[in-house]
């Protein structure tokens, strides 16, 4: 395995596992100052989840994790 493959696996893992976990933490465990801020947070995170669901690379990460 060359260094380019290793870097691509690290980037895929970060994009498909770490970033959604950070979004979930941001949505669920941080306080919003107003309802508009809460709506903004949801509208910011939701498109990313949709993108990962449809366009994510599921060959390195188990397929059934896409439903979690």
PDB file of N, CA and C in Angstrom:
ATOM      1  N   UNK A   1       0.844  -1.170   0.000  1.00  0.00           N
ATOM      2  CA  UNK A   1       0.000   0.000   0.000  1.00  0.00           C
ATOM      3  C   UNK A   1       0.891   1.235   0.000  1.00  0.00           C
ATOM      4  N   UNK A   2       0.665   2.097  -0.964  1.00  0.00           N
ATOM      5  CA  UNK A   2       1.506   3.296  -1.019  1.00  0.00           C
ATOM      6  C   UNK A   2       0.917   4.419  -0.173  1.00  0.00           C
ATOM      7  N   UNK A   3       1.652   5.500  -0.094  1.00  0.00           N
ATOM      8  CA  UNK A   3       1.254   6.588   0.802  1.00  0.00           C
ATOM      9  C   UNK A   3      -0.022   7.284   0.329  1.00  0.00           C
ATOM     10  N   UNK A   4      -0.263   7.334  -0.979  1.00  0.00           N
ATOM     11  CA  UNK A   4      -1.475   7.961  -1.483  1.00  0.00           C
ATOM     12  C   UNK A   4      -2.724   7.181  -1.073  1.00  0.00           C
ATOM     13  N   UNK A   5      -2.643   5.872  -1.077  1.00  0.00           N
ATOM     14  CA  UNK A   5      -3.774   5.055  -0.646  1.00  0.00           C
ATOM     15  C   UNK A   5      -4.027   5.226   0.847  1.00  0.00           C
ATOM     16  N   UNK A   6      -2.983   5.295   1.623  1.00  0.00           N
ATOM     17  CA  UNK A   6      -3.132   5.481   3.067  1.00  0.00           C
ATOM     18  C   UNK A   6      -3.778   6.839   3.366  1.00  0.00           C
ATOM     19  N   UNK A   7      -3.326   7.864   2.666  1.00  0.00           N
ATOM     20  CA  UNK A   7      -3.906   9.196   2.869  1.00  0.00           C
ATOM     21  C   UNK A   7      -5.373   9.215   2.478  1.00  0.00           C
ATOM     22  N   UNK A   8      -5.720   8.553   1.373  1.00  0.00           N
ATOM     23  CA  UNK A   8      -7.125   8.542   0.957  1.00  0.00           C
ATOM     24  C   UNK A   8      -7.993   7.788   1.953  1.00  0.00           C
ATOM     25  N   UNK A   9      -7.498   6.717   2.544  1.00  0.00           N
ATOM     26  CA  UNK A   9      -8.257   5.990   3.554  1.00  0.00           C
ATOM     27  C   UNK A   9      -8.450   6.851   4.799  1.00  0.00           C
ATOM     28  N   UNK A  10      -7.438   7.575   5.196  1.00  0.00           N
ATOM     29  CA  UNK A  10      -7.545   8.458   6.365  1.00  0.00           C
ATOM     30  C   UNK A  10      -8.557   9.571   6.098  1.00  0.00           C
ATOM     31  N   UNK A  11      -8.515  10.150   4.905  1.00  0.00           N
ATOM     32  CA  UNK A  11      -9.467  11.212   4.576  1.00  0.00           C
ATOM     33  C   UNK A  11     -10.897  10.689   4.511  1.00  0.00           C
ATOM     34  N   UNK A  12     -11.096   9.513   3.932  1.00  0.00           N
ATOM     35  CA  UNK A  12     -12.432   8.924   3.877  1.00  0.00           C
ATOM     36  C   UNK A  12     -12.973   8.638   5.275  1.00  0.00           C
ATOM     37  N   UNK A  13     -12.126   8.096   6.126  1.00  0.00           N
ATOM     38  CA  UNK A  13     -12.548   7.793   7.485  1.00  0.00           C
ATOM     39  C   UNK A  13     -12.899   9.065   8.237  1.00  0.00           C
ATOM     40  N   UNK A  14     -12.101  10.092   8.054  1.00  0.00           N
ATOM     41  CA  UNK A  14     -12.374  11.361   8.716  1.00  0.00           C
ATOM     42  C   UNK A  14     -13.690  11.956   8.223  1.00  0.00           C
ATOM     43  N   UNK A  15     -13.896  11.920   6.906  1.00  0.00           N
ATOM     44  CA  UNK A  15     -15.099  12.527   6.351  1.00  0.00           C
ATOM     45  C   UNK A  15     -16.350  11.738   6.693  1.00  0.00           C
ATOM     46  N   UNK A  16     -16.254  10.427   6.789  1.00  0.00           N
ATOM     47  CA  UNK A  16     -17.442   9.618   6.976  1.00  0.00           C
ATOM     48  C   UNK A  16     -17.685   9.174   8.413  1.00  0.00           C
ATOM     49  N   UNK A  17     -16.729   9.314   9.283  1.00  0.00           N
ATOM     50  CA  UNK A  17     -16.939   8.924  10.676  1.00  0.00           C
ATOM     51  C   UNK A  17     -16.739  10.079  11.651  1.00  0.00           C
ATOM     52  N   UNK A  18     -15.629  10.765  11.545  1.00  0.00           N
ATOM     53  CA  UNK A  18     -15.301  11.794  12.529  1.00  0.00           C
ATOM     54  C   UNK A  18     -16.188  13.030  12.357  1.00  0.00           C
ATOM     55  N   UNK A  19     -16.343  13.506  11.137  1.00  0.00           N
ATOM     56  CA  UNK A  19     -17.137  14.704  10.905  1.00  0.00           C
ATOM     57  C   UNK A  19     -18.600  14.526  11.310  1.00  0.00           C
ATOM     58  N   UNK A  20     -19.270  13.407  10.965  1.00  0.00           N
ATOM     59  CA  UNK A  20     -20.642  13.238  11.464  1.00  0.00           C
ATOM     60  C   UNK A  20     -20.741  13.180  12.981  1.00  0.00           C
ATOM     61  N   UNK A  21     -19.764  12.584  13.638  1.00  0.00           N
ATOM     62  CA  UNK A  21     -19.774  12.548  15.097  1.00  0.00           C
ATOM     63  C   UNK A  21     -19.664  13.968  15.659  1.00  0.00           C
ATOM     64  N   UNK A  22     -18.828  14.790  15.047  1.00  0.00           N
ATOM     65  CA  UNK A  22     -18.716  16.178  15.490  1.00  0.00           C
ATOM     66  C   UNK A  22     -20.002  16.959  15.239  1.00  0.00           C
ATOM     67  N   UNK A  23     -20.655  16.714  14.093  1.00  0.00           N
ATOM     68  CA  UNK A  23     -21.938  17.364  13.818  1.00  0.00           C
ATOM     69  C   UNK A  23     -22.993  16.932  14.835  1.00  0.00           C
ATOM     70  N   UNK A  24     -23.051  15.661  15.160  1.00  0.00           N
ATOM     71  CA  UNK A  24     -24.031  15.180  16.140  1.00  0.00           C
ATOM     72  C   UNK A  24     -23.772  15.812  17.505  1.00  0.00           C
ATOM     73  N   UNK A  25     -22.516  15.900  17.885  1.00  0.00           N
ATOM     74  CA  UNK A  25     -22.181  16.565  19.145  1.00  0.00           C
ATOM     75  C   UNK A  25     -22.609  18.030  19.103  1.00  0.00           C
ATOM     76  N   UNK A  26     -22.325  18.698  17.998  1.00  0.00           N
ATOM     77  CA  UNK A  26     -22.660  20.119  17.853  1.00  0.00           C
ATOM     78  C   UNK A  26     -24.167  20.325  17.910  1.00  0.00           C
ATOM     79  N   UNK A  27     -24.928  19.419  17.284  1.00  0.00           N
ATOM     80  CA  UNK A  27     -26.386  19.556  17.286  1.00  0.00           C
ATOM     81  C   UNK A  27     -27.010  19.188  18.628  1.00  0.00           C
ATOM     82  N   UNK A  28     -26.503  18.148  19.256  1.00  0.00           N
ATOM     83  CA  UNK A  28     -27.182  17.624  20.426  1.00  0.00           C
ATOM     84  C   UNK A  28     -26.681  18.084  21.775  1.00  0.00           C
ATOM     85  N   UNK A  29     -25.429  18.469  21.851  1.00  0.00           N
ATOM     86  CA  UNK A  29     -24.856  18.717  23.169  1.00  0.00           C
ATOM     87  C   UNK A  29     -24.367  20.141  23.396  1.00  0.00           C
ATOM     88  N   UNK A  30     -24.562  21.011  22.430  1.00  0.00           N
ATOM     89  CA  UNK A  30     -24.219  22.411  22.659  1.00  0.00           C
ATOM     90  C   UNK A  30     -25.501  23.222  22.741  1.00  0.00           C
ATOM     91  N   UNK A  31     -25.487  24.229  23.561  1.00  0.00           N
ATOM     92  CA  UNK A  31     -26.693  25.043  23.751  1.00  0.00           C
ATOM     93  C   UNK A  31     -26.784  26.088  22.643  1.00  0.00           C
ATOM     94  N   UNK A  32     -28.005  26.253  22.158  1.00  0.00           N
ATOM     95  CA  UNK A  32     -28.274  27.298  21.175  1.00  0.00           C
ATOM     96  C   UNK A  32     -28.849  28.504  21.898  1.00  0.00           C
ATOM     97  N   UNK A  33     -28.500  29.675  21.398  1.00  0.00           N
ATOM     98  CA  UNK A  33     -28.983  30.893  22.038  1.00  0.00           C
ATOM     99  C   UNK A  33     -30.406  31.226  21.629  1.00  0.00           C
ATOM    100  N   UNK A  34     -30.824  30.736  20.459  1.00  0.00           N
ATOM    101  CA  UNK A  34     -32.178  31.029  19.999  1.00  0.00           C
ATOM    102  C   UNK A  34     -32.658  29.905  19.082  1.00  0.00           C
ATOM    103  N   UNK A  35     -33.933  29.965  18.721  1.00  0.00           N
ATOM    104  CA  UNK A  35     -34.485  28.966  17.810  1.00  0.00           C
ATOM    105  C   UNK A  35     -33.916  29.139  16.403  1.00  0.00           C
ATOM    106  N   UNK A  36     -33.608  30.366  16.039  1.00  0.00           N
ATOM    107  CA  UNK A  36     -33.011  30.609  14.727  1.00  0.00           C
ATOM    108  C   UNK A  36     -31.631  29.969  14.654  1.00  0.00           C
ATOM    109  N   UNK A  37     -30.886  30.046  15.726  1.00  0.00           N
ATOM    110  CA  UNK A  37     -29.580  29.399  15.779  1.00  0.00           C
ATOM    111  C   UNK A  37     -29.723  27.881  15.672  1.00  0.00           C
ATOM    112  N   UNK A  38     -30.720  27.313  16.316  1.00  0.00           N
ATOM    113  CA  UNK A  38     -30.967  25.872  16.229  1.00  0.00           C
ATOM    114  C   UNK A  38     -31.329  25.474  14.804  1.00  0.00           C
ATOM    115  N   UNK A  39     -32.190  26.249  14.169  1.00  0.00           N
ATOM    116  CA  UNK A  39     -32.561  25.970  12.778  1.00  0.00           C
ATOM    117  C   UNK A  39     -31.342  26.079  11.871  1.00  0.00           C
ATOM    118  N   UNK A  40     -30.504  27.076  12.093  1.00  0.00           N
ATOM    119  CA  UNK A  40     -29.276  27.222  11.310  1.00  0.00           C
ATOM    120  C   UNK A  40     -28.367  26.012  11.472  1.00  0.00           C
ATOM    121  N   UNK A  41     -28.238  25.529  12.691  1.00  0.00           N
ATOM    122  CA  UNK A  41     -27.395  24.356  12.932  1.00  0.00           C
ATOM    123  C   UNK A  41     -27.928  23.131  12.197  1.00  0.00           C
ATOM    124  N   UNK A  42     -29.233  22.943  12.226  1.00  0.00           N
ATOM    125  CA  UNK A  42     -29.838  21.799  11.533  1.00  0.00           C
ATOM    126  C   UNK A  42     -29.662  21.943  10.025  1.00  0.00           C
ATOM    127  N   UNK A  43     -29.902  23.134   9.505  1.00  0.00           N
ATOM    128  CA  UNK A  43     -29.759  23.356   8.065  1.00  0.00           C
ATOM    129  C   UNK A  43     -28.307  23.284   7.603  1.00  0.00           C
ATOM    130  N   UNK A  44     -27.377  23.449   8.507  1.00  0.00           N
ATOM    131  CA  UNK A  44     -25.966  23.304   8.170  1.00  0.00           C
ATOM    132  C   UNK A  44     -25.555  21.840   8.164  1.00  0.00           C
ATOM    133  N   UNK A  45     -26.014  21.067   9.126  1.00  0.00           N
ATOM    134  CA  UNK A  45     -25.576  19.677   9.264  1.00  0.00           C
ATOM    135  C   UNK A  45     -26.326  18.720   8.350  1.00  0.00           C
ATOM    136  N   UNK A  46     -27.601  18.937   8.144  1.00  0.00           N
ATOM    137  CA  UNK A  46     -28.421  17.985   7.396  1.00  0.00           C
ATOM    138  C   UNK A  46     -27.923  17.734   5.968  1.00  0.00           C
ATOM    139  N   UNK A  47     -27.567  18.752   5.189  1.00  0.00           N
ATOM    140  CA  UNK A  47     -27.062  18.467   3.833  1.00  0.00           C
ATOM    141  C   UNK A  47     -25.801  17.610   3.834  1.00  0.00           C
ATOM    142  N   UNK A  48     -24.953  17.781   4.844  1.00  0.00           N
ATOM    143  CA  UNK A  48     -23.761  16.946   4.919  1.00  0.00           C
ATOM    144  C   UNK A  48     -24.130  15.481   5.130  1.00  0.00           C
ATOM    145  N   UNK A  49     -25.105  15.216   6.002  1.00  0.00           N
ATOM    146  CA  UNK A  49     -25.542  13.838   6.235  1.00  0.00           C
ATOM    147  C   UNK A  49     -26.148  13.234   4.974  1.00  0.00           C
ATOM    148  N   UNK A  50     -26.934  14.007   4.251  1.00  0.00           N
ATOM    149  CA  UNK A  50     -27.530  13.525   2.998  1.00  0.00           C
ATOM    150  C   UNK A  50     -26.427  13.222   1.980  1.00  0.00           C
ATOM    151  N   UNK A  51     -25.454  14.114   1.880  1.00  0.00           N
ATOM    152  CA  UNK A  51     -24.344  13.900   0.942  1.00  0.00           C
ATOM    153  C   UNK A  51     -23.577  12.625   1.276  1.00  0.00           C
ATOM    154  N   UNK A  52     -23.247  12.425   2.530  1.00  0.00           N
ATOM    155  CA  UNK A  52     -22.501  11.233   2.932  1.00  0.00           C
ATOM    156  C   UNK A  52     -23.323   9.978   2.686  1.00  0.00           C
ATOM    157  N   UNK A  53     -24.616  10.036   2.920  1.00  0.00           N
ATOM    158  CA  UNK A  53     -25.469   8.874   2.717  1.00  0.00           C
ATOM    159  C   UNK A  53     -25.475   8.446   1.251  1.00  0.00           C
ATOM    160  N   UNK A  54     -25.621   9.400   0.349  1.00  0.00           N
ATOM    161  CA  UNK A  54     -25.731   9.051  -1.066  1.00  0.00           C
ATOM    162  C   UNK A  54     -24.388   8.947  -1.789  1.00  0.00           C
ATOM    163  N   UNK A  55     -23.432   9.784  -1.446  1.00  0.00           N
ATOM    164  CA  UNK A  55     -22.194   9.841  -2.204  1.00  0.00           C
ATOM    165  C   UNK A  55     -20.996   9.291  -1.445  1.00  0.00           C
ATOM    166  N   UNK A  56     -21.224   8.767  -0.251  1.00  0.00           N
ATOM    167  CA  UNK A  56     -20.109   8.273   0.550  1.00  0.00           C
ATOM    168  C   UNK A  56     -19.480   7.024  -0.041  1.00  0.00           C
ATOM    169  N   UNK A  57     -18.217   6.854   0.226  1.00  0.00           N
ATOM    170  CA  UNK A  57     -17.477   5.671  -0.220  1.00  0.00           C
ATOM    171  C   UNK A  57     -17.651   4.589   0.842  1.00  0.00           C
ATOM    172  N   UNK A  58     -18.399   3.547   0.534  1.00  0.00           N
ATOM    173  CA  UNK A  58     -18.738   2.530   1.517  1.00  0.00           C
ATOM    174  C   UNK A  58     -17.931   1.251   1.338  1.00  0.00           C
ATOM    175  N   UNK A  59     -16.801   1.325   0.653  1.00  0.00           N
ATOM    176  CA  UNK A  59     -15.992   0.121   0.488  1.00  0.00           C
ATOM    177  C   UNK A  59     -15.012  -0.070   1.648  1.00  0.00           C
ATOM    178  N   UNK A  60     -14.592   1.009   2.283  1.00  0.00           N
ATOM    179  CA  UNK A  60     -13.662   0.904   3.409  1.00  0.00           C
ATOM    180  C   UNK A  60     -14.390   0.833   4.744  1.00  0.00           C
ATOM    181  N   UNK A  61     -15.520   1.513   4.806  1.00  0.00           N
ATOM    182  CA  UNK A  61     -16.309   1.549   6.030  1.00  0.00           C
ATOM    183  C   UNK A  61     -17.494   0.613   5.826  1.00  0.00           C
ATOM    184  N   UNK A  62     -17.861  -0.183   6.803  1.00  0.00           N
ATOM    185  CA  UNK A  62     -18.954  -1.139   6.619  1.00  0.00           C
ATOM    186  C   UNK A  62     -20.234  -0.469   6.121  1.00  0.00           C
ATOM    187  N   UNK A  63     -20.901  -1.166   5.209  1.00  0.00           N
ATOM    188  CA  UNK A  63     -22.096  -0.649   4.543  1.00  0.00           C
ATOM    189  C   UNK A  63     -23.197  -0.304   5.522  1.00  0.00           C
ATOM    190  N   UNK A  64     -23.372  -1.090   6.557  1.00  0.00           N
ATOM    191  CA  UNK A  64     -24.475  -0.874   7.476  1.00  0.00           C
ATOM    192  C   UNK A  64     -24.269   0.332   8.392  1.00  0.00           C
ATOM    193  N   UNK A  65     -23.076   0.899   8.434  1.00  0.00           N
ATOM    194  CA  UNK A  65     -22.868   2.119   9.199  1.00  0.00           C
ATOM    195  C   UNK A  65     -23.578   3.311   8.557  1.00  0.00           C
ATOM    196  N   UNK A  66     -23.922   3.206   7.278  1.00  0.00           N
ATOM    197  CA  UNK A  66     -24.596   4.318   6.645  1.00  0.00           C
ATOM    198  C   UNK A  66     -25.982   4.543   7.228  1.00  0.00           C
ATOM    199  N   UNK A  67     -26.579   3.537   7.819  1.00  0.00           N
ATOM    200  CA  UNK A  67     -27.909   3.696   8.412  1.00  0.00           C
ATOM    201  C   UNK A  67     -27.836   4.212   9.845  1.00  0.00           C
ATOM    202  N   UNK A  68     -26.686   4.177  10.435  1.00  0.00           N
ATOM    203  CA  UNK A  68     -26.511   4.693  11.796  1.00  0.00           C
ATOM    204  C   UNK A  68     -26.214   6.162  11.689  1.00  0.00           C
TER     205      UNK A  68
END
